[in-house]
Amino acid sequence: MIAWATTALVVASLLALALASVRIVVGPTHADRIVALDIFLAAGVALAVAASLLTARTVFLDVAIGLALVGFVGTIGWARLVQKADPDDAQEDRP
């Protein structure tokens, strides 16, 4: 059962990586590219969890937690950078 779940997790992560790669290349806006980078990080977390399941070692879960934390902070940083670069594009008119 764990082998089947791990295989499904790896296949789904690789599919997400392929789609995110297309979004990075084609993405018309910087926000699309930021979301694609966030998908890369989420796929990395999923692959670390899959490695933990396959090897029955918890060290990979520590890696997954670290990746998630760094990814969150990085996404916030990139979003603020894009917002400061073009504030009219990042915010809509507020009443």
Protein backbone atom coordinates (compact mmCIF):
# COMPACT_ATOMS: atom_id res chain seq x y z
CA MET A 1 0.00 0.00 0.00
CA ILE A 2 2.81 2.42 0.87
CA ALA A 3 4.62 1.62 -2.38
CA TRP A 4 1.49 2.43 -4.38
CA ALA A 5 0.93 5.70 -2.51
CA THR A 6 4.57 6.69 -2.90
CA THR A 7 4.49 5.96 -6.62
CA ALA A 8 1.34 8.04 -7.02
CA LEU A 9 2.93 10.88 -5.03
CA VAL A 10 6.08 10.86 -7.16
CA VAL A 11 4.12 10.77 -10.42
CA ALA A 12 1.86 13.63 -9.30
CA SER A 13 4.89 15.66 -8.20
CA LEU A 14 6.64 15.14 -11.53
CA LEU A 15 3.48 16.15 -13.39
CA ALA A 16 3.24 19.29 -11.26
CA LEU A 17 6.90 20.06 -11.99
CA ALA A 18 6.30 19.69 -15.73
CA LEU A 19 3.27 21.99 -15.66
CA ALA A 20 5.07 24.54 -13.49
CA SER A 21 8.00 24.53 -15.92
CA VAL A 22 5.63 25.44 -18.72
CA ARG A 23 4.14 28.22 -16.59
CA ILE A 24 7.58 29.67 -15.85
CA VAL A 25 8.45 29.82 -19.54
CA VAL A 26 5.05 30.92 -20.88
CA GLY A 27 3.72 32.87 -17.86
CA PRO A 28 2.66 36.30 -19.07
CA THR A 29 3.01 37.97 -15.66
CA HIS A 30 5.49 37.85 -12.83
CA ALA A 31 2.77 36.58 -10.51
CA ASP A 32 2.37 33.48 -12.68
CA ARG A 33 6.07 32.80 -12.38
CA ILE A 34 5.97 33.22 -8.60
CA VAL A 35 3.13 30.71 -8.34
CA ALA A 36 5.10 28.31 -10.55
CA LEU A 37 8.11 28.61 -8.23
CA ASP A 38 5.81 27.91 -5.29
CA ILE A 39 4.61 24.79 -7.09
CA PHE A 40 8.25 23.72 -7.46
CA LEU A 41 8.68 24.03 -3.71
CA ALA A 42 5.46 22.13 -3.01
CA ALA A 43 6.61 19.35 -5.33
CA GLY A 44 9.94 19.27 -3.50
CA VAL A 45 8.11 18.87 -0.20
CA ALA A 46 6.02 16.07 -1.68
CA LEU A 47 9.13 14.30 -2.98
CA ALA A 48 10.77 14.60 0.44
CA VAL A 49 7.68 13.04 2.02
CA ALA A 50 7.77 10.27 -0.60
CA ALA A 51 11.44 9.62 0.22
CA SER A 52 10.52 9.44 3.89
CA LEU A 53 7.81 6.91 3.17
CA LEU A 54 10.07 4.76 1.00
CA THR A 55 13.05 4.71 3.34
CA ALA A 56 11.10 4.78 6.63
CA ARG A 57 13.39 7.56 7.90
CA THR A 58 12.09 10.71 9.50
CA VAL A 59 15.04 12.85 8.46
CA PHE A 60 13.30 13.52 5.15
CA LEU A 61 10.33 14.94 7.02
CA ASP A 62 12.68 17.48 8.59
CA VAL A 63 13.81 18.41 5.10
CA ALA A 64 10.18 18.78 4.00
CA ILE A 65 9.41 21.09 6.94
CA GLY A 66 12.50 23.18 6.18
CA LEU A 67 11.57 23.45 2.52
CA ALA A 68 8.03 24.50 3.40
CA LEU A 69 9.24 27.23 5.75
CA VAL A 70 11.83 28.58 3.33
CA GLY A 71 9.30 28.40 0.49
CA PHE A 72 6.73 30.38 2.44
CA VAL A 73 9.18 33.14 3.28
CA GLY A 74 10.53 33.17 -0.27
CA THR A 75 7.07 33.44 -1.80
CA ILE A 76 6.21 36.36 0.47
CA GLY A 77 9.48 38.06 -0.48
CA TRP A 78 8.94 37.61 -4.21
CA ALA A 79 5.34 38.83 -3.95
CA ARG A 80 6.44 42.00 -2.14
CA LEU A 81 9.17 42.57 -4.72
CA VAL A 82 6.70 42.30 -7.60
CA GLN A 83 4.25 44.56 -5.78
CA LYS A 84 6.90 47.25 -5.28
CA ALA A 85 8.10 46.95 -8.88
CA ASP A 86 4.65 47.65 -10.35
CA PRO A 87 2.14 48.71 -7.68
CA ASP A 88 -0.59 49.52 -10.24
CA ASP A 89 -0.53 45.95 -11.59
CA ALA A 90 -0.47 44.28 -8.16
CA GLN A 91 -3.40 46.15 -6.59
CA GLU A 92 -6.79 46.90 -7.97
CA ASP A 93 -8.56 50.18 -7.30
CA ARG A 94 -9.90 50.26 -3.78
CA PRO A 95 -12.93 52.34 -2.81
